[in-house]
Each structure stands twice: as C-alpha cells, then as structure tokens.
Amino acid sequence: MNPASTQIVIQRFTEIHIEGVNALYSDPEVCRQVLQMPYQSAEVWRKRLAASDERAVKLVALHEGEVIGNIGLEQYSRIRQRHVGSIGMGIAVQWQGRGVGSKLMAAVLEVADNWMNLHRVELTVFSDNEAALGLYRKFGFETEGRLRNYAVRDGVYVDAISMARLR
C-alpha cells in the first residue's frame, strides 16, 4: 500500500470542503472525466450541499486537510426504486492510482449496504476511462451496456458504460 494512502481521511462533505471540491472539479483533467461543467462557482457546490437530504451521502477524501477526492451516492426517491442508488466520483489527477478511489468507494458502499440497505448501486463511466473501469470492477460492478454518444467531451460525443452492482 502506498504510504500516502494511509494518511487519507474520509469525511462527510460539509461547508468547510466547498472550496476544495470546487478546486477539484475546476481541474480540466478531472472535469473532462465527469459530467461537471468547467468553471463552476463555489456557490454551485454550496447549493448542491444545501439540497442534500438523508438519501444522499456525500464524502470527501482529504490529505493533510486538502480535498483530493469526492464521491456522492444518492438513493432514488421513487417508491419502486428505493432499493437503487447512483454514484458519482472524482479524484485529483495526482492522486489517481494511489488508493483514494478505493477508500471512497469502500466507505460509500459500506453506507449503501449496511445503512441504506440498497440492493442495486449504479453508475456511468466514460468508455475510455480504464482506471475507473478497473476500480469499479474491483468493487463488483458489472457492465450493463454502452451508452453511445452519451456526452460531449473535448468537443466530440463520447460513449459511456453503464455499470451496476447488485447484492
């Protein structure tokens, strides 16, 4: 295990982390791998945080107080889909491949399984993001399909992979 990964702390995303989360997703290399728009203001993150309820779990990974990763899990609100949740995640480029994603995923899935009793957790990932695909497979996510021309990235349409984990 990477010695730096032992110094990673997982916390609930709160008001004190807004600037750090905003900086994380302002990095063009992080932004291009997620569905966030570039140049968001901190106010956008403040509004998202204020809109949270107990069906949403939002976590940050910190190293020496700096936000280096973020993950969110949201349980669906429709009565017939209350057993389902959806995940979104971003990791600082310099921390990718160093255990941050694994720590965040383990923490959020522990809540999904043991506190929210979710049966299905799903996500989408760009089809060329091999590192993320590997991470998700490691945690039991399986490919369910390819979403063609799913989103615009770098001025072109790109495909995404739909993945889910059932328990």
C-alpha atoms as a PDB file:
ATOM      1  CA  MET A   1       0.000   0.000   0.000  1.00  0.00           C
ATOM      2  CA  ASN A   2       1.169   3.496  -0.795  1.00  0.00           C
ATOM      3  CA  PRO A   3       2.344   5.241   2.427  1.00  0.00           C
ATOM      4  CA  ALA A   4       0.479   8.412   1.438  1.00  0.00           C
ATOM      5  CA  SER A   5      -2.784   6.466   1.134  1.00  0.00           C
ATOM      6  CA  THR A   6      -2.590   5.619   4.846  1.00  0.00           C
ATOM      7  CA  GLN A   7      -2.780   9.364   5.530  1.00  0.00           C
ATOM      8  CA  ILE A   8      -6.016   9.783   3.588  1.00  0.00           C
ATOM      9  CA  VAL A   9      -9.011  10.705   5.707  1.00  0.00           C
ATOM     10  CA  ILE A  10     -12.609  10.208   4.559  1.00  0.00           C
ATOM     11  CA  GLN A  11     -15.149  12.726   5.873  1.00  0.00           C
ATOM     12  CA  ARG A  12     -18.676  13.794   5.122  1.00  0.00           C
ATOM     13  CA  PHE A  13     -18.684  16.688   2.617  1.00  0.00           C
ATOM     14  CA  THR A  14     -19.590  19.835   4.560  1.00  0.00           C
ATOM     15  CA  GLU A  15     -19.435  23.601   4.125  1.00  0.00           C
ATOM     16  CA  ILE A  16     -15.736  23.662   5.055  1.00  0.00           C
ATOM     17  CA  HIS A  17     -14.913  21.492   1.995  1.00  0.00           C
ATOM     18  CA  ILE A  18     -16.720  23.573  -0.643  1.00  0.00           C
ATOM     19  CA  GLU A  19     -13.672  25.486  -1.857  1.00  0.00           C
ATOM     20  CA  GLY A  20     -11.656  22.275  -2.073  1.00  0.00           C
ATOM     21  CA  VAL A  21     -14.358  20.401  -4.006  1.00  0.00           C
ATOM     22  CA  ASN A  22     -14.722  23.371  -6.325  1.00  0.00           C
ATOM     23  CA  ALA A  23     -10.965  23.355  -6.929  1.00  0.00           C
ATOM     24  CA  LEU A  24     -11.011  19.590  -7.551  1.00  0.00           C
ATOM     25  CA  TYR A  25     -13.615  19.836 -10.305  1.00  0.00           C
ATOM     26  CA  SER A  26     -12.049  23.013 -11.716  1.00  0.00           C
ATOM     27  CA  ASP A  27      -9.038  20.971 -12.807  1.00  0.00           C
ATOM     28  CA  PRO A  28      -9.625  20.405 -16.546  1.00  0.00           C
ATOM     29  CA  GLU A  29      -8.257  16.845 -16.348  1.00  0.00           C
ATOM     30  CA  VAL A  30     -10.739  15.926 -13.598  1.00  0.00           C
ATOM     31  CA  CYS A  31     -13.617  17.839 -15.188  1.00  0.00           C
ATOM     32  CA  ARG A  32     -13.222  16.038 -18.533  1.00  0.00           C
ATOM     33  CA  GLN A  33     -13.795  12.633 -16.890  1.00  0.00           C
ATOM     34  CA  VAL A  34     -17.006  13.574 -15.082  1.00  0.00           C
ATOM     35  CA  LEU A  35     -20.218  15.306 -16.110  1.00  0.00           C
ATOM     36  CA  GLN A  36     -19.451  18.597 -14.366  1.00  0.00           C
ATOM     37  CA  MET A  37     -19.191  21.811 -16.334  1.00  0.00           C
ATOM     38  CA  PRO A  38     -15.879  23.705 -16.174  1.00  0.00           C
ATOM     39  CA  TYR A  39     -15.543  26.982 -14.281  1.00  0.00           C
ATOM     40  CA  GLN A  40     -18.298  26.315 -11.764  1.00  0.00           C
ATOM     41  CA  SER A  41     -18.538  28.714  -8.873  1.00  0.00           C
ATOM     42  CA  ALA A  42     -18.282  27.647  -5.272  1.00  0.00           C
ATOM     43  CA  GLU A  43     -21.915  28.762  -4.968  1.00  0.00           C
ATOM     44  CA  VAL A  44     -22.988  25.870  -7.222  1.00  0.00           C
ATOM     45  CA  TRP A  45     -21.439  23.412  -4.763  1.00  0.00           C
ATOM     46  CA  ARG A  46     -22.933  25.288  -1.810  1.00  0.00           C
ATOM     47  CA  LYS A  47     -26.430  24.924  -3.342  1.00  0.00           C
ATOM     48  CA  ARG A  48     -25.887  21.216  -4.033  1.00  0.00           C
ATOM     49  CA  LEU A  49     -24.754  20.691  -0.473  1.00  0.00           C
ATOM     50  CA  ALA A  50     -27.753  22.614   0.923  1.00  0.00           C
ATOM     51  CA  ALA A  51     -30.123  20.485  -1.170  1.00  0.00           C
ATOM     52  CA  SER A  52     -28.884  17.271   0.456  1.00  0.00           C
ATOM     53  CA  ASP A  53     -31.144  15.033   2.464  1.00  0.00           C
ATOM     54  CA  GLU A  54     -30.593  11.706   4.189  1.00  0.00           C
ATOM     55  CA  ARG A  55     -30.981   9.852   0.864  1.00  0.00           C
ATOM     56  CA  ALA A  56     -27.719  11.464  -0.282  1.00  0.00           C
ATOM     57  CA  VAL A  57     -24.288  10.587   1.072  1.00  0.00           C
ATOM     58  CA  LYS A  58     -21.527  12.969   0.029  1.00  0.00           C
ATOM     59  CA  LEU A  59     -17.964  12.266   1.095  1.00  0.00           C
ATOM     60  CA  VAL A  60     -14.553  13.802   0.554  1.00  0.00           C
ATOM     61  CA  ALA A  61     -11.071  12.334   0.744  1.00  0.00           C
ATOM     62  CA  LEU A  62      -8.551  14.588   2.452  1.00  0.00           C
ATOM     63  CA  HIS A  63      -4.783  14.532   2.612  1.00  0.00           C
ATOM     64  CA  GLU A  64      -3.306  16.973   5.103  1.00  0.00           C
ATOM     65  CA  GLY A  65      -6.589  18.896   5.009  1.00  0.00           C
ATOM     66  CA  GLU A  66      -6.690  19.219   1.204  1.00  0.00           C
ATOM     67  CA  VAL A  67      -9.616  17.761  -0.771  1.00  0.00           C
ATOM     68  CA  ILE A  68      -8.176  15.139  -3.116  1.00  0.00           C
ATOM     69  CA  GLY A  69     -11.360  13.248  -3.951  1.00  0.00           C
ATOM     70  CA  ASN A  70     -15.123  13.337  -3.761  1.00  0.00           C
ATOM     71  CA  ILE A  71     -17.886  10.749  -4.046  1.00  0.00           C
ATOM     72  CA  GLY A  72     -21.643  11.004  -3.873  1.00  0.00           C
ATOM     73  CA  LEU A  73     -24.291   8.323  -3.506  1.00  0.00           C
ATOM     74  CA  GLU A  74     -27.933   9.184  -3.961  1.00  0.00           C
ATOM     75  CA  GLN A  75     -30.808   6.830  -3.260  1.00  0.00           C
ATOM     76  CA  TYR A  76     -33.607   7.120  -5.781  1.00  0.00           C
ATOM     77  CA  SER A  77     -36.738   8.774  -4.398  1.00  0.00           C
ATOM     78  CA  ARG A  78     -39.347   6.932  -6.452  1.00  0.00           C
ATOM     79  CA  ILE A  79     -41.136   4.382  -4.277  1.00  0.00           C
ATOM     80  CA  ARG A  80     -40.493   1.497  -6.671  1.00  0.00           C
ATOM     81  CA  GLN A  81     -36.781   2.326  -6.907  1.00  0.00           C
ATOM     82  CA  ARG A  82     -35.914   2.956  -3.294  1.00  0.00           C
ATOM     83  CA  HIS A  83     -33.620  -0.072  -3.418  1.00  0.00           C
ATOM     84  CA  VAL A  84     -31.421   1.721  -6.004  1.00  0.00           C
ATOM     85  CA  GLY A  85     -28.677   4.307  -5.627  1.00  0.00           C
ATOM     86  CA  SER A  86     -26.393   6.107  -8.060  1.00  0.00           C
ATOM     87  CA  ILE A  87     -22.734   7.024  -7.593  1.00  0.00           C
ATOM     88  CA  GLY A  88     -20.589   9.857  -8.984  1.00  0.00           C
ATOM     89  CA  MET A  89     -16.922  10.360  -8.147  1.00  0.00           C
ATOM     90  CA  GLY A  90     -13.876  12.496  -8.950  1.00  0.00           C
ATOM     91  CA  ILE A  91     -10.234  12.134  -7.884  1.00  0.00           C
ATOM     92  CA  ALA A  92      -7.437  14.707  -8.186  1.00  0.00           C
ATOM     93  CA  VAL A  93      -5.155  13.715 -11.071  1.00  0.00           C
ATOM     94  CA  GLN A  94      -2.001  13.480  -8.943  1.00  0.00           C
ATOM     95  CA  TRP A  95      -3.841  11.099  -6.583  1.00  0.00           C
ATOM     96  CA  GLN A  96      -5.291   8.748  -9.185  1.00  0.00           C
ATOM     97  CA  GLY A  97      -3.986   5.191  -8.849  1.00  0.00           C
ATOM     98  CA  ARG A  98      -2.947   5.738  -5.227  1.00  0.00           C
ATOM     99  CA  GLY A  99      -5.886   4.224  -3.335  1.00  0.00           C
ATOM    100  CA  VAL A 100      -8.113   7.290  -2.975  1.00  0.00           C
ATOM    101  CA  GLY A 101     -10.881   5.906  -5.181  1.00  0.00           C
ATOM    102  CA  SER A 102     -10.792   2.591  -3.324  1.00  0.00           C
ATOM    103  CA  LYS A 103     -11.113   4.297   0.041  1.00  0.00           C
ATOM    104  CA  LEU A 104     -14.010   6.465  -1.118  1.00  0.00           C
ATOM    105  CA  MET A 105     -15.776   3.556  -2.814  1.00  0.00           C
ATOM    106  CA  ALA A 106     -15.387   1.282   0.219  1.00  0.00           C
ATOM    107  CA  ALA A 107     -16.782   3.980   2.517  1.00  0.00           C
ATOM    108  CA  VAL A 108     -19.795   4.796   0.362  1.00  0.00           C
ATOM    109  CA  LEU A 109     -20.642   1.140  -0.330  1.00  0.00           C
ATOM    110  CA  GLU A 110     -20.493   0.378   3.382  1.00  0.00           C
ATOM    111  CA  VAL A 111     -23.199   3.009   3.876  1.00  0.00           C
ATOM    112  CA  ALA A 112     -25.161   1.729   0.847  1.00  0.00           C
ATOM    113  CA  ASP A 113     -25.108  -1.850   2.120  1.00  0.00           C
ATOM    114  CA  ASN A 114     -25.346  -1.514   5.882  1.00  0.00           C
ATOM    115  CA  TRP A 115     -27.255   1.710   6.450  1.00  0.00           C
ATOM    116  CA  MET A 116     -29.362   2.356   3.354  1.00  0.00           C
ATOM    117  CA  ASN A 117     -29.950  -1.327   2.526  1.00  0.00           C
ATOM    118  CA  LEU A 118     -29.555  -0.655  -1.190  1.00  0.00           C
ATOM    119  CA  HIS A 119     -29.819  -3.704  -3.411  1.00  0.00           C
ATOM    120  CA  ARG A 120     -28.585  -2.006  -6.589  1.00  0.00           C
ATOM    121  CA  VAL A 121     -25.911   0.673  -6.950  1.00  0.00           C
ATOM    122  CA  GLU A 122     -25.297   2.034 -10.447  1.00  0.00           C
ATOM    123  CA  LEU A 123     -23.017   4.462 -12.225  1.00  0.00           C
ATOM    124  CA  THR A 124     -21.860   5.597 -15.647  1.00  0.00           C
ATOM    125  CA  VAL A 125     -18.244   5.996 -16.691  1.00  0.00           C
ATOM    126  CA  PHE A 126     -16.669   7.163 -19.931  1.00  0.00           C
ATOM    127  CA  SER A 127     -15.778   4.106 -22.003  1.00  0.00           C
ATOM    128  CA  ASP A 128     -12.098   5.080 -22.279  1.00  0.00           C
ATOM    129  CA  ASN A 129     -11.545   5.608 -18.546  1.00  0.00           C
ATOM    130  CA  GLU A 130      -9.740   2.293 -17.984  1.00  0.00           C
ATOM    131  CA  ALA A 131      -8.562   3.162 -14.460  1.00  0.00           C
ATOM    132  CA  ALA A 132     -12.105   3.900 -13.280  1.00  0.00           C
ATOM    133  CA  LEU A 133     -13.487   0.806 -15.022  1.00  0.00           C
ATOM    134  CA  GLY A 134     -10.904  -1.303 -13.190  1.00  0.00           C
ATOM    135  CA  LEU A 135     -11.772   0.278  -9.851  1.00  0.00           C
ATOM    136  CA  TYR A 136     -15.492  -0.311 -10.314  1.00  0.00           C
ATOM    137  CA  ARG A 137     -14.962  -3.942 -11.369  1.00  0.00           C
ATOM    138  CA  LYS A 138     -12.819  -4.442  -8.254  1.00  0.00           C
ATOM    139  CA  PHE A 139     -15.861  -3.480  -6.181  1.00  0.00           C
ATOM    140  CA  GLY A 140     -18.206  -5.847  -8.001  1.00  0.00           C
ATOM    141  CA  PHE A 141     -19.696  -3.530 -10.616  1.00  0.00           C
ATOM    142  CA  GLU A 142     -20.565  -5.202 -13.900  1.00  0.00           C
ATOM    143  CA  THR A 143     -21.079  -3.683 -17.318  1.00  0.00           C
ATOM    144  CA  GLU A 144     -24.722  -3.475 -18.329  1.00  0.00           C
ATOM    145  CA  GLY A 145     -24.355  -1.636 -21.604  1.00  0.00           C
ATOM    146  CA  ARG A 146     -22.736   1.011 -23.745  1.00  0.00           C
ATOM    147  CA  LEU A 147     -24.398   4.415 -23.945  1.00  0.00           C
ATOM    148  CA  ARG A 148     -23.458   5.724 -27.381  1.00  0.00           C
ATOM    149  CA  ASN A 149     -22.737   9.449 -27.813  1.00  0.00           C
ATOM    150  CA  TYR A 150     -23.578   9.866 -24.124  1.00  0.00           C
ATOM    151  CA  ALA A 151     -21.902  13.219 -23.529  1.00  0.00           C
ATOM    152  CA  VAL A 152     -19.775  15.904 -25.148  1.00  0.00           C
ATOM    153  CA  ARG A 153     -16.124  15.916 -24.113  1.00  0.00           C
ATOM    154  CA  ASP A 154     -13.409  17.928 -25.824  1.00  0.00           C
ATOM    155  CA  GLY A 155     -15.924  18.958 -28.485  1.00  0.00           C
ATOM    156  CA  VAL A 156     -16.920  15.450 -29.570  1.00  0.00           C
ATOM    157  CA  TYR A 157     -19.526  12.932 -28.492  1.00  0.00           C
ATOM    158  CA  VAL A 158     -18.150  10.109 -26.376  1.00  0.00           C
ATOM    159  CA  ASP A 159     -19.584   6.824 -25.200  1.00  0.00           C
ATOM    160  CA  ALA A 160     -20.137   5.813 -21.601  1.00  0.00           C
ATOM    161  CA  ILE A 161     -20.510   2.444 -19.942  1.00  0.00           C
ATOM    162  CA  SER A 162     -23.451   1.755 -17.671  1.00  0.00           C
ATOM    163  CA  MET A 163     -22.417  -0.365 -14.693  1.00  0.00           C
ATOM    164  CA  ALA A 164     -24.214  -1.725 -11.648  1.00  0.00           C
ATOM    165  CA  ARG A 165     -23.516  -3.780  -8.548  1.00  0.00           C
ATOM    166  CA  LEU A 166     -26.245  -5.996  -7.137  1.00  0.00           C
ATOM    167  CA  ARG A 167     -26.169  -7.598  -3.721  1.00  0.00           C
END
